[in-house]
């Protein structure tokens, strides 16, 4: 009985915390500049710890990167920037438009 109660309290605490969690916002631009890359990378470094919790409990809206790849939110874009050492910035919210020939 104690274990069930403890698990219920833990789940409740996590769900309340994630309901108040807010995605961090990356700067947007249509042209990649050194200043925009530095600002994006700094925000990613600052908020990367939050990503591991948020992505499991809170769905993110897709965003379009400057490499014309749709990412599942800021956390996924930041992981490409930080861990794959890519020079990508956020172009706009929503999926990237694909050109149909």
PDB file of N, CA and C in Angstrom:
ATOM      1  N   UNK A   1       0.819  -1.183   0.000  1.00  0.00           N
ATOM      2  CA  UNK A   1       0.000   0.000   0.000  1.00  0.00           C
ATOM      3  C   UNK A   1       0.870   1.257   0.000  1.00  0.00           C
ATOM      4  N   UNK A   2       1.975   1.243   0.786  1.00  0.00           N
ATOM      5  CA  UNK A   2       2.866   2.387   0.842  1.00  0.00           C
ATOM      6  C   UNK A   2       3.528   2.640  -0.509  1.00  0.00           C
ATOM      7  N   UNK A   3       3.896   1.557  -1.191  1.00  0.00           N
ATOM      8  CA  UNK A   3       4.545   1.690  -2.493  1.00  0.00           C
ATOM      9  C   UNK A   3       3.585   2.304  -3.501  1.00  0.00           C
ATOM     10  N   UNK A   4       2.355   1.842  -3.530  1.00  0.00           N
ATOM     11  CA  UNK A   4       1.352   2.378  -4.447  1.00  0.00           C
ATOM     12  C   UNK A   4       1.121   3.863  -4.191  1.00  0.00           C
ATOM     13  N   UNK A   5       1.022   4.234  -2.937  1.00  0.00           N
ATOM     14  CA  UNK A   5       0.817   5.635  -2.580  1.00  0.00           C
ATOM     15  C   UNK A   5       2.023   6.472  -2.992  1.00  0.00           C
ATOM     16  N   UNK A   6       3.232   5.960  -2.749  1.00  0.00           N
ATOM     17  CA  UNK A   6       4.447   6.685  -3.110  1.00  0.00           C
ATOM     18  C   UNK A   6       4.532   6.892  -4.621  1.00  0.00           C
ATOM     19  N   UNK A   7       4.209   5.875  -5.375  1.00  0.00           N
ATOM     20  CA  UNK A   7       4.237   5.977  -6.839  1.00  0.00           C
ATOM     21  C   UNK A   7       3.195   6.987  -7.316  1.00  0.00           C
ATOM     22  N   UNK A   8       2.005   6.951  -6.727  1.00  0.00           N
ATOM     23  CA  UNK A   8       0.949   7.890  -7.100  1.00  0.00           C
ATOM     24  C   UNK A   8       1.365   9.326  -6.817  1.00  0.00           C
ATOM     25  N   UNK A   9       2.001   9.563  -5.686  1.00  0.00           N
ATOM     26  CA  UNK A   9       2.465  10.908  -5.344  1.00  0.00           C
ATOM     27  C   UNK A   9       3.556  11.355  -6.313  1.00  0.00           C
ATOM     28  N   UNK A  10       4.470  10.463  -6.656  1.00  0.00           N
ATOM     29  CA  UNK A  10       5.538  10.784  -7.591  1.00  0.00           C
ATOM     30  C   UNK A  10       4.979  11.143  -8.962  1.00  0.00           C
ATOM     31  N   UNK A  11       4.047  10.345  -9.457  1.00  0.00           N
ATOM     32  CA  UNK A  11       3.427  10.613 -10.765  1.00  0.00           C
ATOM     33  C   UNK A  11       2.678  11.934 -10.735  1.00  0.00           C
ATOM     34  N   UNK A  12       1.973  12.195  -9.669  1.00  0.00           N
ATOM     35  CA  UNK A  12       1.245  13.454  -9.536  1.00  0.00           C
ATOM     36  C   UNK A  12       2.201  14.646  -9.514  1.00  0.00           C
ATOM     37  N   UNK A  13       3.288  14.527  -8.776  1.00  0.00           N
ATOM     38  CA  UNK A  13       4.262  15.618  -8.700  1.00  0.00           C
ATOM     39  C   UNK A  13       4.891  15.898 -10.060  1.00  0.00           C
ATOM     40  N   UNK A  14       5.241  14.855 -10.793  1.00  0.00           N
ATOM     41  CA  UNK A  14       5.835  15.023 -12.121  1.00  0.00           C
ATOM     42  C   UNK A  14       4.832  15.639 -13.085  1.00  0.00           C
ATOM     43  N   UNK A  15       3.590  15.169 -13.044  1.00  0.00           N
ATOM     44  CA  UNK A  15       2.598  15.697 -13.974  1.00  0.00           C
ATOM     45  C   UNK A  15       2.274  17.162 -13.679  1.00  0.00           C
ATOM     46  N   UNK A  16       2.249  17.550 -12.417  1.00  0.00           N
ATOM     47  CA  UNK A  16       2.007  18.958 -12.075  1.00  0.00           C
ATOM     48  C   UNK A  16       3.186  19.805 -12.537  1.00  0.00           C
ATOM     49  N   UNK A  17       4.418  19.331 -12.320  1.00  0.00           N
ATOM     50  CA  UNK A  17       5.601  20.073 -12.725  1.00  0.00           C
ATOM     51  C   UNK A  17       5.633  20.266 -14.232  1.00  0.00           C
ATOM     52  N   UNK A  18       5.335  19.210 -14.995  1.00  0.00           N
ATOM     53  CA  UNK A  18       5.392  19.328 -16.449  1.00  0.00           C
ATOM     54  C   UNK A  18       4.253  20.161 -17.007  1.00  0.00           C
ATOM     55  N   UNK A  19       3.127  20.242 -16.314  1.00  0.00           N
ATOM     56  CA  UNK A  19       2.041  21.083 -16.817  1.00  0.00           C
ATOM     57  C   UNK A  19       2.411  22.557 -16.736  1.00  0.00           C
ATOM     58  N   UNK A  20       3.295  22.925 -15.814  1.00  0.00           N
ATOM     59  CA  UNK A  20       3.753  24.308 -15.711  1.00  0.00           C
ATOM     60  C   UNK A  20       5.027  24.553 -16.503  1.00  0.00           C
ATOM     61  N   UNK A  21       5.634  23.503 -17.019  1.00  0.00           N
ATOM     62  CA  UNK A  21       6.869  23.661 -17.780  1.00  0.00           C
ATOM     63  C   UNK A  21       6.573  24.340 -19.106  1.00  0.00           C
ATOM     64  N   UNK A  22       7.455  25.208 -19.488  1.00  0.00           N
ATOM     65  CA  UNK A  22       7.284  25.953 -20.726  1.00  0.00           C
ATOM     66  C   UNK A  22       8.478  25.660 -21.611  1.00  0.00           C
ATOM     67  N   UNK A  23       8.214  25.439 -22.886  1.00  0.00           N
ATOM     68  CA  UNK A  23       9.313  25.270 -23.822  1.00  0.00           C
ATOM     69  C   UNK A  23      10.107  26.564 -23.880  1.00  0.00           C
ATOM     70  N   UNK A  24      11.399  26.454 -24.066  1.00  0.00           N
ATOM     71  CA  UNK A  24      12.190  27.654 -24.267  1.00  0.00           C
ATOM     72  C   UNK A  24      12.134  27.999 -25.751  1.00  0.00           C
ATOM     73  N   UNK A  25      12.292  29.254 -26.037  1.00  0.00           N
ATOM     74  CA  UNK A  25      12.153  29.700 -27.416  1.00  0.00           C
ATOM     75  C   UNK A  25      13.505  30.088 -27.979  1.00  0.00           C
ATOM     76  N   UNK A  26      13.791  29.583 -29.155  1.00  0.00           N
ATOM     77  CA  UNK A  26      15.022  29.911 -29.854  1.00  0.00           C
ATOM     78  C   UNK A  26      14.769  31.079 -30.796  1.00  0.00           C
ATOM     79  N   UNK A  27      15.790  31.894 -31.033  1.00  0.00           N
ATOM     80  CA  UNK A  27      15.611  32.993 -31.981  1.00  0.00           C
ATOM     81  C   UNK A  27      15.401  32.447 -33.392  1.00  0.00           C
ATOM     82  N   UNK A  28      14.644  33.183 -34.192  1.00  0.00           N
ATOM     83  CA  UNK A  28      14.376  32.751 -35.564  1.00  0.00           C
ATOM     84  C   UNK A  28      15.027  33.713 -36.543  1.00  0.00           C
ATOM     85  N   UNK A  29      15.363  33.201 -37.702  1.00  0.00           N
ATOM     86  CA  UNK A  29      15.918  34.026 -38.765  1.00  0.00           C
ATOM     87  C   UNK A  29      15.917  33.272 -40.072  1.00  0.00           C
ATOM     88  N   UNK A  30      15.905  34.005 -41.152  1.00  0.00           N
ATOM     89  CA  UNK A  30      15.920  33.373 -42.463  1.00  0.00           C
ATOM     90  C   UNK A  30      17.335  33.255 -43.020  1.00  0.00           C
ATOM     91  N   UNK A  31      18.261  34.010 -42.450  1.00  0.00           N
ATOM     92  CA  UNK A  31      19.649  33.947 -42.884  1.00  0.00           C
ATOM     93  C   UNK A  31      20.524  33.609 -41.687  1.00  0.00           C
ATOM     94  N   UNK A  32      21.390  32.645 -41.852  1.00  0.00           N
ATOM     95  CA  UNK A  32      22.289  32.224 -40.787  1.00  0.00           C
ATOM     96  C   UNK A  32      23.397  33.256 -40.624  1.00  0.00           C
ATOM     97  N   UNK A  33      23.478  33.834 -39.442  1.00  0.00           N
ATOM     98  CA  UNK A  33      24.556  34.777 -39.142  1.00  0.00           C
ATOM     99  C   UNK A  33      25.325  34.244 -37.937  1.00  0.00           C
ATOM    100  N   UNK A  34      26.539  34.723 -37.773  1.00  0.00           N
ATOM    101  CA  UNK A  34      27.371  34.286 -36.647  1.00  0.00           C
ATOM    102  C   UNK A  34      26.719  34.653 -35.319  1.00  0.00           C
ATOM    103  N   UNK A  35      26.125  35.846 -35.257  1.00  0.00           N
ATOM    104  CA  UNK A  35      25.473  36.295 -34.028  1.00  0.00           C
ATOM    105  C   UNK A  35      24.275  35.411 -33.676  1.00  0.00           C
ATOM    106  N   UNK A  36      23.471  35.064 -34.669  1.00  0.00           N
ATOM    107  CA  UNK A  36      22.303  34.210 -34.440  1.00  0.00           C
ATOM    108  C   UNK A  36      22.720  32.806 -34.031  1.00  0.00           C
ATOM    109  N   UNK A  37      23.786  32.294 -34.632  1.00  0.00           N
ATOM    110  CA  UNK A  37      24.295  30.972 -34.250  1.00  0.00           C
ATOM    111  C   UNK A  37      24.794  30.971 -32.805  1.00  0.00           C
ATOM    112  N   UNK A  38      25.507  32.015 -32.408  1.00  0.00           N
ATOM    113  CA  UNK A  38      26.017  32.101 -31.034  1.00  0.00           C
ATOM    114  C   UNK A  38      24.860  32.179 -30.035  1.00  0.00           C
ATOM    115  N   UNK A  39      23.840  32.990 -30.349  1.00  0.00           N
ATOM    116  CA  UNK A  39      22.696  33.127 -29.448  1.00  0.00           C
ATOM    117  C   UNK A  39      21.936  31.817 -29.323  1.00  0.00           C
ATOM    118  N   UNK A  40      21.730  31.129 -30.450  1.00  0.00           N
ATOM    119  CA  UNK A  40      21.037  29.846 -30.440  1.00  0.00           C
ATOM    120  C   UNK A  40      21.803  28.820 -29.629  1.00  0.00           C
ATOM    121  N   UNK A  41      23.106  28.739 -29.842  1.00  0.00           N
ATOM    122  CA  UNK A  41      23.925  27.763 -29.121  1.00  0.00           C
ATOM    123  C   UNK A  41      23.932  28.056 -27.622  1.00  0.00           C
ATOM    124  N   UNK A  42      23.998  29.335 -27.255  1.00  0.00           N
ATOM    125  CA  UNK A  42      23.995  29.709 -25.835  1.00  0.00           C
ATOM    126  C   UNK A  42      22.679  29.311 -25.171  1.00  0.00           C
ATOM    127  N   UNK A  43      21.563  29.532 -25.848  1.00  0.00           N
ATOM    128  CA  UNK A  43      20.268  29.128 -25.292  1.00  0.00           C
ATOM    129  C   UNK A  43      20.150  27.615 -25.190  1.00  0.00           C
ATOM    130  N   UNK A  44      20.692  26.911 -26.161  1.00  0.00           N
ATOM    131  CA  UNK A  44      20.669  25.446 -26.111  1.00  0.00           C
ATOM    132  C   UNK A  44      21.476  24.919 -24.932  1.00  0.00           C
ATOM    133  N   UNK A  45      22.672  25.471 -24.729  1.00  0.00           N
ATOM    134  CA  UNK A  45      23.509  25.037 -23.613  1.00  0.00           C
ATOM    135  C   UNK A  45      22.804  25.311 -22.287  1.00  0.00           C
ATOM    136  N   UNK A  46      22.176  26.486 -22.184  1.00  0.00           N
ATOM    137  CA  UNK A  46      21.505  26.878 -20.951  1.00  0.00           C
ATOM    138  C   UNK A  46      20.312  25.978 -20.634  1.00  0.00           C
ATOM    139  N   UNK A  47      19.590  25.522 -21.663  1.00  0.00           N
ATOM    140  CA  UNK A  47      18.334  24.813 -21.449  1.00  0.00           C
ATOM    141  C   UNK A  47      18.380  23.320 -21.746  1.00  0.00           C
ATOM    142  N   UNK A  48      19.536  22.778 -22.089  1.00  0.00           N
ATOM    143  CA  UNK A  48      19.601  21.378 -22.500  1.00  0.00           C
ATOM    144  C   UNK A  48      19.190  20.418 -21.379  1.00  0.00           C
ATOM    145  N   UNK A  49      19.460  20.759 -20.120  1.00  0.00           N
ATOM    146  CA  UNK A  49      19.071  19.876 -19.023  1.00  0.00           C
ATOM    147  C   UNK A  49      17.557  19.740 -18.942  1.00  0.00           C
ATOM    148  N   UNK A  50      16.839  20.809 -19.253  1.00  0.00           N
ATOM    149  CA  UNK A  50      15.389  20.782 -19.217  1.00  0.00           C
ATOM    150  C   UNK A  50      14.830  19.860 -20.314  1.00  0.00           C
ATOM    151  N   UNK A  51      15.553  19.705 -21.390  1.00  0.00           N
ATOM    152  CA  UNK A  51      15.070  18.915 -22.528  1.00  0.00           C
ATOM    153  C   UNK A  51      14.808  17.462 -22.171  1.00  0.00           C
ATOM    154  N   UNK A  52      15.647  16.879 -21.363  1.00  0.00           N
ATOM    155  CA  UNK A  52      15.515  15.457 -21.093  1.00  0.00           C
ATOM    156  C   UNK A  52      14.208  15.140 -20.387  1.00  0.00           C
ATOM    157  N   UNK A  53      13.742  16.016 -19.537  1.00  0.00           N
ATOM    158  CA  UNK A  53      12.473  15.800 -18.838  1.00  0.00           C
ATOM    159  C   UNK A  53      11.302  16.189 -19.729  1.00  0.00           C
ATOM    160  N   UNK A  54      11.385  17.342 -20.348  1.00  0.00           N
ATOM    161  CA  UNK A  54      10.259  17.862 -21.132  1.00  0.00           C
ATOM    162  C   UNK A  54       9.868  16.956 -22.299  1.00  0.00           C
ATOM    163  N   UNK A  55      10.840  16.406 -23.002  1.00  0.00           N
ATOM    164  CA  UNK A  55      10.511  15.625 -24.186  1.00  0.00           C
ATOM    165  C   UNK A  55       9.770  14.338 -23.848  1.00  0.00           C
ATOM    166  N   UNK A  56       9.909  13.852 -22.640  1.00  0.00           N
ATOM    167  CA  UNK A  56       9.199  12.636 -22.265  1.00  0.00           C
ATOM    168  C   UNK A  56       7.766  12.911 -21.823  1.00  0.00           C
ATOM    169  N   UNK A  57       7.502  14.089 -21.279  1.00  0.00           N
ATOM    170  CA  UNK A  57       6.201  14.367 -20.705  1.00  0.00           C
ATOM    171  C   UNK A  57       5.372  15.389 -21.472  1.00  0.00           C
ATOM    172  N   UNK A  58       5.993  16.175 -22.289  1.00  0.00           N
ATOM    173  CA  UNK A  58       5.270  17.248 -22.957  1.00  0.00           C
ATOM    174  C   UNK A  58       5.594  17.237 -24.442  1.00  0.00           C
ATOM    175  N   UNK A  59       4.580  17.169 -25.265  1.00  0.00           N
ATOM    176  CA  UNK A  59       4.791  17.175 -26.704  1.00  0.00           C
ATOM    177  C   UNK A  59       5.151  18.577 -27.163  1.00  0.00           C
ATOM    178  N   UNK A  60       6.054  18.671 -28.101  1.00  0.00           N
ATOM    179  CA  UNK A  60       6.467  19.953 -28.653  1.00  0.00           C
ATOM    180  C   UNK A  60       5.917  20.096 -30.062  1.00  0.00           C
ATOM    181  N   UNK A  61       5.775  21.327 -30.472  1.00  0.00           N
ATOM    182  CA  UNK A  61       5.350  21.613 -31.834  1.00  0.00           C
ATOM    183  C   UNK A  61       6.554  21.465 -32.760  1.00  0.00           C
ATOM    184  N   UNK A  62       6.337  20.992 -33.984  1.00  0.00           N
ATOM    185  CA  UNK A  62       7.464  20.881 -34.910  1.00  0.00           C
ATOM    186  C   UNK A  62       7.990  22.263 -35.300  1.00  0.00           C
ATOM    187  N   UNK A  63       9.287  22.326 -35.580  1.00  0.00           N
ATOM    188  CA  UNK A  63       9.899  23.558 -36.051  1.00  0.00           C
ATOM    189  C   UNK A  63      10.776  23.244 -37.252  1.00  0.00           C
ATOM    190  N   UNK A  64      10.986  24.245 -38.090  1.00  0.00           N
ATOM    191  CA  UNK A  64      11.800  24.078 -39.289  1.00  0.00           C
ATOM    192  C   UNK A  64      13.181  24.658 -39.047  1.00  0.00           C
ATOM    193  N   UNK A  65      14.197  23.875 -39.352  1.00  0.00           N
ATOM    194  CA  UNK A  65      15.581  24.332 -39.219  1.00  0.00           C
ATOM    195  C   UNK A  65      16.086  24.911 -40.526  1.00  0.00           C
ATOM    196  N   UNK A  66      17.184  25.640 -40.452  1.00  0.00           N
ATOM    197  CA  UNK A  66      17.748  26.272 -41.637  1.00  0.00           C
ATOM    198  C   UNK A  66      18.277  25.259 -42.654  1.00  0.00           C
ATOM    199  N   UNK A  67      18.396  24.020 -42.255  1.00  0.00           N
ATOM    200  CA  UNK A  67      18.812  22.965 -43.176  1.00  0.00           C
ATOM    201  C   UNK A  67      17.606  22.282 -43.837  1.00  0.00           C
ATOM    202  N   UNK A  68      16.414  22.900 -43.688  1.00  0.00           N
ATOM    203  CA  UNK A  68      15.157  22.418 -44.264  1.00  0.00           C
ATOM    204  C   UNK A  68      14.753  21.045 -43.730  1.00  0.00           C
ATOM    205  N   UNK A  69      15.100  20.770 -42.481  1.00  0.00           N
ATOM    206  CA  UNK A  69      14.692  19.556 -41.785  1.00  0.00           C
ATOM    207  C   UNK A  69      13.703  19.959 -40.708  1.00  0.00           C
ATOM    208  N   UNK A  70      12.602  19.202 -40.589  1.00  0.00           N
ATOM    209  CA  UNK A  70      11.620  19.461 -39.540  1.00  0.00           C
ATOM    210  C   UNK A  70      12.048  18.724 -38.281  1.00  0.00           C
ATOM    211  N   UNK A  71      12.135  19.468 -37.172  1.00  0.00           N
ATOM    212  CA  UNK A  71      12.518  18.909 -35.875  1.00  0.00           C
ATOM    213  C   UNK A  71      11.308  18.868 -34.966  1.00  0.00           C
ATOM    214  N   UNK A  72      11.303  17.951 -34.030  1.00  0.00           N
ATOM    215  CA  UNK A  72      10.186  17.799 -33.095  1.00  0.00           C
ATOM    216  C   UNK A  72      10.320  18.767 -31.920  1.00  0.00           C
ATOM    217  N   UNK A  73      10.647  19.994 -32.173  1.00  0.00           N
ATOM    218  CA  UNK A  73      10.756  21.001 -31.125  1.00  0.00           C
ATOM    219  C   UNK A  73      12.180  21.474 -30.916  1.00  0.00           C
ATOM    220  N   UNK A  74      12.289  22.464 -30.029  1.00  0.00           N
ATOM    221  CA  UNK A  74      13.570  23.095 -29.752  1.00  0.00           C
ATOM    222  C   UNK A  74      14.595  22.113 -29.184  1.00  0.00           C
ATOM    223  N   UNK A  75      14.135  21.180 -28.376  1.00  0.00           N
ATOM    224  CA  UNK A  75      15.061  20.218 -27.768  1.00  0.00           C
ATOM    225  C   UNK A  75      15.752  19.348 -28.815  1.00  0.00           C
ATOM    226  N   UNK A  76      15.007  18.922 -29.819  1.00  0.00           N
ATOM    227  CA  UNK A  76      15.610  18.086 -30.854  1.00  0.00           C
ATOM    228  C   UNK A  76      16.573  18.898 -31.719  1.00  0.00           C
ATOM    229  N   UNK A  77      16.205  20.134 -32.009  1.00  0.00           N
ATOM    230  CA  UNK A  77      17.106  20.999 -32.772  1.00  0.00           C
ATOM    231  C   UNK A  77      18.379  21.263 -31.975  1.00  0.00           C
ATOM    232  N   UNK A  78      18.238  21.522 -30.679  1.00  0.00           N
ATOM    233  CA  UNK A  78      19.413  21.765 -29.831  1.00  0.00           C
ATOM    234  C   UNK A  78      20.322  20.546 -29.759  1.00  0.00           C
ATOM    235  N   UNK A  79      19.757  19.365 -29.743  1.00  0.00           N
ATOM    236  CA  UNK A  79      20.612  18.178 -29.684  1.00  0.00           C
ATOM    237  C   UNK A  79      21.429  18.051 -30.968  1.00  0.00           C
ATOM    238  N   UNK A  80      20.861  18.427 -32.112  1.00  0.00           N
ATOM    239  CA  UNK A  80      21.621  18.418 -33.366  1.00  0.00           C
ATOM    240  C   UNK A  80      22.740  19.457 -33.311  1.00  0.00           C
ATOM    241  N   UNK A  81      22.427  20.631 -32.777  1.00  0.00           N
ATOM    242  CA  UNK A  81      23.410  21.710 -32.711  1.00  0.00           C
ATOM    243  C   UNK A  81      24.552  21.360 -31.752  1.00  0.00           C
ATOM    244  N   UNK A  82      24.203  20.864 -30.574  1.00  0.00           N
ATOM    245  CA  UNK A  82      25.225  20.629 -29.547  1.00  0.00           C
ATOM    246  C   UNK A  82      25.976  19.316 -29.713  1.00  0.00           C
ATOM    247  N   UNK A  83      25.263  18.251 -30.033  1.00  0.00           N
ATOM    248  CA  UNK A  83      25.893  16.936 -30.029  1.00  0.00           C
ATOM    249  C   UNK A  83      26.376  16.486 -31.401  1.00  0.00           C
ATOM    250  N   UNK A  84      25.826  17.083 -32.457  1.00  0.00           N
ATOM    251  CA  UNK A  84      26.283  16.748 -33.809  1.00  0.00           C
ATOM    252  C   UNK A  84      27.105  17.887 -34.408  1.00  0.00           C
ATOM    253  N   UNK A  85      27.261  18.986 -33.632  1.00  0.00           N
ATOM    254  CA  UNK A  85      28.044  20.150 -34.030  1.00  0.00           C
ATOM    255  C   UNK A  85      27.605  20.705 -35.383  1.00  0.00           C
ATOM    256  N   UNK A  86      26.305  20.878 -35.515  1.00  0.00           N
ATOM    257  CA  UNK A  86      25.738  21.418 -36.751  1.00  0.00           C
ATOM    258  C   UNK A  86      25.529  22.925 -36.616  1.00  0.00           C
ATOM    259  N   UNK A  87      25.599  23.632 -37.709  1.00  0.00           N
ATOM    260  CA  UNK A  87      25.319  25.066 -37.723  1.00  0.00           C
ATOM    261  C   UNK A  87      23.920  25.273 -38.293  1.00  0.00           C
ATOM    262  N   UNK A  88      22.932  25.132 -37.412  1.00  0.00           N
ATOM    263  CA  UNK A  88      21.528  25.222 -37.795  1.00  0.00           C
ATOM    264  C   UNK A  88      20.878  26.286 -36.912  1.00  0.00           C
ATOM    265  N   UNK A  89      19.944  27.025 -37.484  1.00  0.00           N
ATOM    266  CA  UNK A  89      19.123  27.933 -36.700  1.00  0.00           C
ATOM    267  C   UNK A  89      17.662  27.618 -36.977  1.00  0.00           C
ATOM    268  N   UNK A  90      16.792  28.110 -36.129  1.00  0.00           N
ATOM    269  CA  UNK A  90      15.354  27.935 -36.297  1.00  0.00           C
ATOM    270  C   UNK A  90      14.866  28.953 -37.323  1.00  0.00           C
ATOM    271  N   UNK A  91      14.160  28.459 -38.351  1.00  0.00           N
ATOM    272  CA  UNK A  91      13.640  29.342 -39.391  1.00  0.00           C
ATOM    273  C   UNK A  91      12.226  29.786 -39.057  1.00  0.00           C
ATOM    274  N   UNK A  92      11.370  28.813 -38.692  1.00  0.00           N
ATOM    275  CA  UNK A  92       9.995  29.151 -38.321  1.00  0.00           C
ATOM    276  C   UNK A  92       9.351  28.005 -37.571  1.00  0.00           C
ATOM    277  N   UNK A  93       8.245  28.319 -36.883  1.00  0.00           N
ATOM    278  CA  UNK A  93       7.452  27.290 -36.223  1.00  0.00           C
ATOM    279  C   UNK A  93       6.703  26.518 -37.288  1.00  0.00           C
ATOM    280  N   UNK A  94       6.496  25.232 -37.032  1.00  0.00           N
ATOM    281  CA  UNK A  94       5.782  24.386 -37.976  1.00  0.00           C
ATOM    282  C   UNK A  94       6.760  23.615 -38.839  1.00  0.00           C
ATOM    283  N   UNK A  95       6.235  22.642 -39.565  1.00  0.00           N
ATOM    284  CA  UNK A  95       7.109  21.801 -40.390  1.00  0.00           C
ATOM    285  C   UNK A  95       7.679  22.580 -41.572  1.00  0.00           C
ATOM    286  N   UNK A  96       8.797  22.099 -42.083  1.00  0.00           N
ATOM    287  CA  UNK A  96       9.387  22.696 -43.274  1.00  0.00           C
ATOM    288  C   UNK A  96       8.523  22.361 -44.476  1.00  0.00           C
ATOM    289  N   UNK A  97       8.444  23.305 -45.375  1.00  0.00           N
ATOM    290  CA  UNK A  97       7.660  23.076 -46.579  1.00  0.00           C
ATOM    291  C   UNK A  97       8.497  22.258 -47.551  1.00  0.00           C
ATOM    292  N   UNK A  98       7.883  21.234 -48.094  1.00  0.00           N
ATOM    293  CA  UNK A  98       8.597  20.423 -49.071  1.00  0.00           C
ATOM    294  C   UNK A  98       8.176  20.871 -50.461  1.00  0.00           C
ATOM    295  N   UNK A  99       9.146  20.945 -51.337  1.00  0.00           N
ATOM    296  CA  UNK A  99       8.816  21.366 -52.704  1.00  0.00           C
ATOM    297  C   UNK A  99       8.387  20.149 -53.498  1.00  0.00           C
ATOM    298  N   UNK A 100       7.251  20.270 -54.126  1.00  0.00           N
ATOM    299  CA  UNK A 100       6.757  19.155 -54.955  1.00  0.00           C
ATOM    300  C   UNK A 100       7.008  19.497 -56.422  1.00  0.00           C
ATOM    301  N   UNK A 101       7.658  18.564 -57.109  1.00  0.00           N
ATOM    302  CA  UNK A 101       7.991  18.783 -58.523  1.00  0.00           C
ATOM    303  C   UNK A 101       6.917  18.275 -59.430  1.00  0.00           C
TER     304      UNK A 101
END
